N, C-alpha and C. Protein backbone atom coordinates (compact mmCIF):
# COMPACT_ATOMS: atom_id res chain seq x y z
N MET A 1 0.81 -1.21 0.14
CA MET A 1 -0.04 0.09 0.19
C MET A 1 0.91 1.25 0.01
N THR A 2 0.51 2.08 -0.97
CA THR A 2 1.33 3.54 -0.99
C THR A 2 0.81 4.56 -0.01
N LEU A 3 1.34 5.05 0.72
CA LEU A 3 0.98 6.17 1.47
C LEU A 3 1.01 7.61 0.88
N PRO A 4 0.21 8.45 1.28
CA PRO A 4 0.06 9.67 0.23
C PRO A 4 1.33 10.54 0.84
N ASP A 5 1.43 11.47 0.12
CA ASP A 5 2.50 12.39 0.40
C ASP A 5 1.98 13.35 1.42
N VAL A 6 2.88 13.97 2.07
CA VAL A 6 2.39 14.96 3.55
C VAL A 6 1.60 16.07 2.76
N LYS A 7 2.04 16.49 1.57
CA LYS A 7 1.16 17.74 0.94
C LYS A 7 -0.09 17.20 0.42
N GLU A 8 -0.27 16.08 0.25
CA GLU A 8 -1.88 15.62 -0.07
C GLU A 8 -2.89 15.22 0.99
N LEU A 9 -2.33 15.54 2.14
CA LEU A 9 -3.12 15.06 3.31
C LEU A 9 -3.97 16.36 3.71
N SER A 10 -5.17 16.12 4.16
CA SER A 10 -6.14 17.06 4.55
C SER A 10 -5.66 17.87 5.85
N ARG A 11 -6.39 18.80 6.04
CA ARG A 11 -6.12 19.42 7.36
C ARG A 11 -6.26 18.44 8.70
N GLU A 12 -7.40 17.84 8.77
CA GLU A 12 -7.75 16.85 9.81
C GLU A 12 -6.83 15.95 9.81
N GLU A 13 -6.37 15.12 8.59
CA GLU A 13 -5.25 14.01 8.68
C GLU A 13 -3.90 14.63 9.20
N LEU A 14 -3.55 15.89 8.79
CA LEU A 14 -2.22 16.29 9.30
C LEU A 14 -2.37 16.46 10.76
N GLN A 15 -3.40 17.13 11.21
CA GLN A 15 -3.39 17.33 12.67
C GLN A 15 -3.42 15.93 13.43
N ASN A 16 -4.23 14.86 12.78
CA ASN A 16 -3.86 13.44 13.63
C ASN A 16 -2.64 13.13 13.66
N VAL A 17 -1.84 13.25 12.28
CA VAL A 17 -0.44 12.71 12.31
C VAL A 17 0.39 13.53 13.41
N ILE A 18 0.42 14.88 13.61
CA ILE A 18 0.98 15.45 14.56
C ILE A 18 0.72 15.05 15.97
N LEU A 19 -0.55 14.92 16.15
CA LEU A 19 -0.86 14.42 17.44
C LEU A 19 -0.39 13.14 17.81
N ARG A 20 -0.49 12.32 16.99
CA ARG A 20 0.17 11.03 17.40
C ARG A 20 1.72 10.90 17.32
N MET A 21 2.20 11.76 16.58
CA MET A 21 3.83 11.97 16.64
C MET A 21 4.01 12.68 18.03
N GLN A 22 3.29 13.52 18.52
CA GLN A 22 3.46 14.24 19.80
C GLN A 22 3.68 13.25 20.74
N GLU A 23 2.79 12.10 20.78
CA GLU A 23 2.65 11.14 21.88
C GLU A 23 4.11 10.40 21.93
N MET A 24 4.81 10.38 20.99
CA MET A 24 5.85 9.52 20.74
C MET A 24 7.15 10.25 21.11
N LEU A 25 7.24 11.67 21.24
CA LEU A 25 8.31 12.40 21.34
C LEU A 25 8.78 12.43 23.00
N SER A 26 10.17 12.74 22.83
CA SER A 26 10.46 12.86 24.37
C SER A 26 10.28 14.45 24.82
N GLU A 27 10.45 14.95 26.00
CA GLU A 27 10.16 16.09 26.33
C GLU A 27 11.01 17.28 25.27
N GLU A 28 12.23 16.99 25.31
CA GLU A 28 13.16 17.87 24.43
C GLU A 28 12.48 17.90 22.93
N GLN A 29 12.33 16.85 22.50
CA GLN A 29 11.62 16.95 21.13
C GLN A 29 10.08 17.66 21.14
N LYS A 30 9.50 17.41 22.05
CA LYS A 30 8.15 18.36 22.21
C LYS A 30 8.34 19.60 22.22
N GLN A 31 9.59 20.22 22.82
CA GLN A 31 9.87 21.49 23.11
C GLN A 31 10.31 22.08 21.76
N SER A 32 11.13 21.29 20.73
CA SER A 32 11.48 21.50 19.57
C SER A 32 10.25 21.62 18.63
N LEU A 33 9.22 20.72 18.83
CA LEU A 33 7.99 20.90 18.04
C LEU A 33 7.37 22.14 18.36
N GLN A 34 7.31 22.32 19.63
CA GLN A 34 6.57 23.78 19.95
C GLN A 34 7.30 24.90 19.26
N GLU A 35 8.52 25.08 19.16
CA GLU A 35 9.30 25.77 18.55
C GLU A 35 8.95 26.12 16.97
N ILE A 36 8.92 24.82 16.53
CA ILE A 36 8.48 24.90 15.01
C ILE A 36 7.12 25.39 14.76
N MET A 37 6.19 25.01 15.69
CA MET A 37 4.81 25.50 15.68
C MET A 37 4.74 27.02 15.92
N ARG A 38 5.69 27.59 16.70
CA ARG A 38 5.65 28.87 16.89
C ARG A 38 5.95 29.78 15.73
N LYS A 39 7.03 29.12 15.17
CA LYS A 39 7.67 29.86 13.91
C LYS A 39 6.60 29.72 12.82
N CYS A 40 5.81 28.63 12.62
CA CYS A 40 4.93 28.41 11.59
C CYS A 40 3.39 29.05 11.53
N THR A 41 3.31 29.37 12.71
CA THR A 41 1.83 29.99 12.94
C THR A 41 2.00 31.72 12.85
N LYS A 42 0.88 32.22 12.78
CA LYS A 42 0.82 33.77 12.67
C LYS A 42 1.27 34.30 14.04
N PRO A 43 2.03 35.33 14.15
CA PRO A 43 2.48 36.04 15.19
C PRO A 43 1.29 36.45 16.03
N ASP A 44 1.56 36.42 17.45
CA ASP A 44 0.52 36.75 18.38
C ASP A 44 0.09 38.20 17.95
N VAL A 45 -1.34 38.65 18.14
CA VAL A 45 -1.90 40.01 17.77
C VAL A 45 -1.49 40.85 19.29
N ASP A 46 -1.01 41.94 19.01
CA ASP A 46 -0.88 42.89 20.26
C ASP A 46 -2.01 42.88 20.85
N GLU A 47 -1.76 42.86 22.44
CA GLU A 47 -2.92 42.72 23.28
C GLU A 47 -3.76 43.90 23.37
N THR A 48 -2.91 45.15 23.10
CA THR A 48 -3.93 46.41 23.14
C THR A 48 -4.74 46.57 22.04
N SER A 49 -4.40 46.08 20.88
CA SER A 49 -5.13 46.40 19.55
C SER A 49 -6.51 45.40 19.59
N GLN A 50 -7.49 45.89 18.96
CA GLN A 50 -8.66 45.19 18.94
C GLN A 50 -8.53 44.25 17.53
N PRO A 51 -9.11 43.21 17.69
CA PRO A 51 -9.24 42.42 16.41
C PRO A 51 -10.09 43.14 15.34
N GLU A 52 -9.74 42.87 13.91
CA GLU A 52 -10.65 43.34 12.97
C GLU A 52 -11.77 42.63 13.14
N GLN A 53 -13.00 43.39 12.84
CA GLN A 53 -14.32 42.74 12.80
C GLN A 53 -14.21 42.18 11.33
N SER A 54 -14.65 40.93 11.07
CA SER A 54 -14.47 40.42 9.58
C SER A 54 -16.03 40.53 9.06
N ARG A 55 -17.09 40.69 9.95
CA ARG A 55 -18.46 40.79 9.44
C ARG A 55 -19.24 41.96 10.19
N MET A 56 -20.04 42.76 9.15
CA MET A 56 -20.76 43.78 9.71
C MET A 56 -21.79 43.23 10.64
N SER A 57 -22.22 44.24 11.65
CA SER A 57 -23.21 43.77 12.60
C SER A 57 -24.65 43.62 11.93
N GLN A 58 -25.44 43.06 12.34
CA GLN A 58 -26.93 43.06 11.74
C GLN A 58 -27.49 44.33 12.02
N GLU A 59 -27.19 45.07 12.87
CA GLU A 59 -27.74 46.36 13.05
C GLU A 59 -27.27 47.29 11.94
N LEU A 60 -26.05 47.21 11.61
CA LEU A 60 -25.55 48.16 10.49
C LEU A 60 -25.97 47.74 9.24
N VAL A 61 -26.07 46.38 9.02
CA VAL A 61 -26.75 45.91 7.65
C VAL A 61 -28.00 46.47 7.59
N GLU A 62 -29.01 46.47 8.67
CA GLU A 62 -30.30 46.96 8.46
C GLU A 62 -30.37 48.52 8.26
N GLU A 63 -29.38 49.29 8.89
CA GLU A 63 -29.42 50.52 9.00
C GLU A 63 -28.98 51.05 7.23
N LYS A 64 -27.98 50.19 6.80
CA LYS A 64 -27.53 50.55 5.33
C LYS A 64 -28.88 50.19 4.20
N MET A 65 -29.49 49.13 4.70
CA MET A 65 -30.70 48.70 3.86
C MET A 65 -31.81 49.77 4.00
N ARG A 66 -31.99 50.31 5.11
CA ARG A 66 -33.13 51.44 5.03
C ARG A 66 -32.63 52.62 4.29
N GLN A 67 -31.18 52.81 4.43
CA GLN A 67 -30.90 54.01 3.55
C GLN A 67 -30.77 53.83 2.19
N ILE A 68 -30.73 52.53 1.57
CA ILE A 68 -30.66 52.25 0.23
C ILE A 68 -32.03 52.30 -0.13
N GLN A 69 -33.04 51.74 0.72
CA GLN A 69 -34.51 51.80 0.46
C GLN A 69 -34.95 53.20 0.27
N LYS A 70 -34.61 54.22 1.06
CA LYS A 70 -34.80 55.75 0.87
C LYS A 70 -34.23 56.30 -0.28
N TRP A 71 -33.22 56.02 -0.63
CA TRP A 71 -32.46 56.33 -2.13
C TRP A 71 -33.35 55.92 -3.17
N GLN A 72 -33.64 54.62 -3.23
CA GLN A 72 -34.69 53.92 -4.08
C GLN A 72 -35.94 54.71 -4.17
N GLU A 73 -36.60 54.97 -3.31
CA GLU A 73 -37.92 55.93 -3.33
C GLU A 73 -37.55 57.10 -3.77
N LYS A 74 -36.38 57.93 -3.50
CA LYS A 74 -36.26 59.25 -4.06
C LYS A 74 -35.90 59.14 -5.53
N ILE A 75 -35.30 57.99 -5.92
CA ILE A 75 -34.87 57.96 -7.35
C ILE A 75 -36.24 57.77 -7.96
N ASP A 76 -36.95 56.67 -7.55
CA ASP A 76 -38.37 56.46 -8.19
C ASP A 76 -39.18 57.66 -8.41
N GLU A 77 -39.04 58.50 -7.53
CA GLU A 77 -39.80 59.80 -7.45
C GLU A 77 -39.25 60.96 -8.22
N GLY A 78 -37.87 60.79 -8.55
CA GLY A 78 -37.17 61.54 -9.54
C GLY A 78 -36.43 62.80 -8.61
N GLU A 79 -36.46 62.63 -7.24
CA GLU A 79 -35.85 63.56 -6.32
C GLU A 79 -34.21 63.49 -6.48
N ILE A 80 -33.73 62.47 -6.79
CA ILE A 80 -32.33 62.33 -6.89
C ILE A 80 -32.13 61.69 -8.12
N TYR A 81 -30.90 62.09 -8.91
CA TYR A 81 -30.71 61.46 -10.17
C TYR A 81 -29.26 61.73 -10.57
N LEU A 82 -28.61 61.06 -11.58
CA LEU A 82 -27.42 61.49 -12.17
C LEU A 82 -27.81 62.21 -13.35
N ASN A 83 -26.68 63.30 -13.64
CA ASN A 83 -26.79 63.90 -14.74
C ASN A 83 -25.80 63.27 -15.82
N THR A 84 -26.38 63.43 -16.97
CA THR A 84 -25.60 62.81 -18.21
C THR A 84 -25.44 63.87 -19.28
N GLU A 85 -24.22 63.79 -19.85
CA GLU A 85 -24.08 64.32 -21.15
C GLU A 85 -23.54 63.55 -22.16
N GLU A 86 -24.16 63.59 -23.35
CA GLU A 86 -23.59 62.61 -24.72
C GLU A 86 -23.02 63.81 -25.78
N TYR A 87 -22.24 63.28 -26.21
CA TYR A 87 -21.61 63.93 -27.54
C TYR A 87 -20.92 62.94 -28.43
N GLU A 88 -20.64 63.36 -29.77
CA GLU A 88 -19.79 62.34 -30.70
C GLU A 88 -18.58 63.19 -30.54
N ASP A 89 -17.57 61.93 -30.44
CA ASP A 89 -16.17 62.17 -30.49
C ASP A 89 -15.54 61.95 -31.83
N TYR A 90 -14.80 62.81 -32.50
CA TYR A 90 -14.41 62.61 -33.95
C TYR A 90 -12.95 62.64 -33.78
N SER A 91 -12.20 62.05 -32.68
CA SER A 91 -10.72 62.33 -32.62
C SER A 91 -10.33 61.32 -33.43
N SER A 92 -10.92 60.12 -33.82
CA SER A 92 -10.69 58.90 -34.49
C SER A 92 -10.66 59.29 -36.09
N GLY A 93 -11.30 60.42 -36.42
CA GLY A 93 -11.66 60.58 -37.69
C GLY A 93 -13.10 61.10 -37.91
N TYR A 94 -13.30 61.85 -38.78
CA TYR A 94 -14.67 62.40 -39.03
C TYR A 94 -15.75 61.33 -39.34
N TRP A 95 -15.36 60.17 -40.08
CA TRP A 95 -16.23 58.98 -40.53
C TRP A 95 -16.38 58.00 -39.36
N ASP A 96 -15.45 58.10 -38.43
CA ASP A 96 -15.33 57.09 -37.38
C ASP A 96 -15.77 57.94 -35.94
N ALA A 97 -16.87 58.33 -36.01
CA ALA A 97 -17.26 59.00 -34.58
C ALA A 97 -17.92 58.06 -33.75
N ASP A 98 -17.64 58.17 -32.41
CA ASP A 98 -18.17 57.43 -31.39
C ASP A 98 -18.95 58.29 -30.42
N TRP A 99 -19.98 57.88 -29.91
CA TRP A 99 -20.64 58.57 -28.98
C TRP A 99 -20.05 58.31 -27.62
N ILE A 100 -19.98 59.42 -26.90
CA ILE A 100 -19.38 59.46 -25.30
C ILE A 100 -20.55 59.87 -24.59
N THR A 101 -20.53 58.99 -23.48
CA THR A 101 -21.51 59.40 -22.39
C THR A 101 -20.99 59.72 -20.98
N GLU A 102 -21.12 60.89 -20.57
CA GLU A 102 -20.40 61.13 -19.46
C GLU A 102 -21.54 61.47 -18.18
N TYR A 103 -21.14 60.70 -17.11
CA TYR A 103 -22.12 60.74 -16.00
C TYR A 103 -21.60 61.61 -14.93
N TYR A 104 -22.59 62.63 -14.30
CA TYR A 104 -22.07 63.57 -13.42
C TYR A 104 -22.84 63.37 -12.07
N ASP A 105 -22.26 63.31 -10.64
CA ASP A 105 -23.20 63.01 -9.72
C ASP A 105 -23.30 64.30 -8.80
N ASN A 106 -24.07 65.04 -9.39
CA ASN A 106 -24.04 66.76 -8.65
C ASN A 106 -24.83 66.34 -7.43
N GLN A 107 -25.70 65.47 -7.18
CA GLN A 107 -26.44 65.42 -6.20
C GLN A 107 -25.85 64.47 -5.06
N GLY A 108 -24.59 63.97 -5.17
CA GLY A 108 -24.00 63.07 -4.20
C GLY A 108 -24.49 61.87 -4.00
N VAL A 109 -25.01 61.29 -5.15
CA VAL A 109 -25.72 60.04 -4.88
C VAL A 109 -24.73 58.76 -4.57
N GLY A 110 -23.39 59.06 -5.30
CA GLY A 110 -22.51 57.80 -4.81
C GLY A 110 -21.62 57.95 -3.59
N ASP A 111 -22.08 59.24 -3.12
CA ASP A 111 -21.27 59.47 -1.62
C ASP A 111 -22.04 58.54 -0.79
């Protein structure tokens, strides 16, 4: 039976291998293993700094959704809108004109 290469093992399989190996190690070898693990893992986060929040709170999501719904109502009623300007661009030659559309956010919709 051919054993898989270490690179092919899953995370769980690797963890099981390390746990079994640790049982067979002497105290000195266990300390060496601990040192290797320290070097291979992420450095400790500074105790004074707050960990970054990876997800928005439900409260913030609901607040943002209410704001988007208000904007949607104002857009539907024509209270807020984007300004546009269209013109033909003849820089490539008179017979090869392109229509250029530029959008302006004068009302701060994108902010």
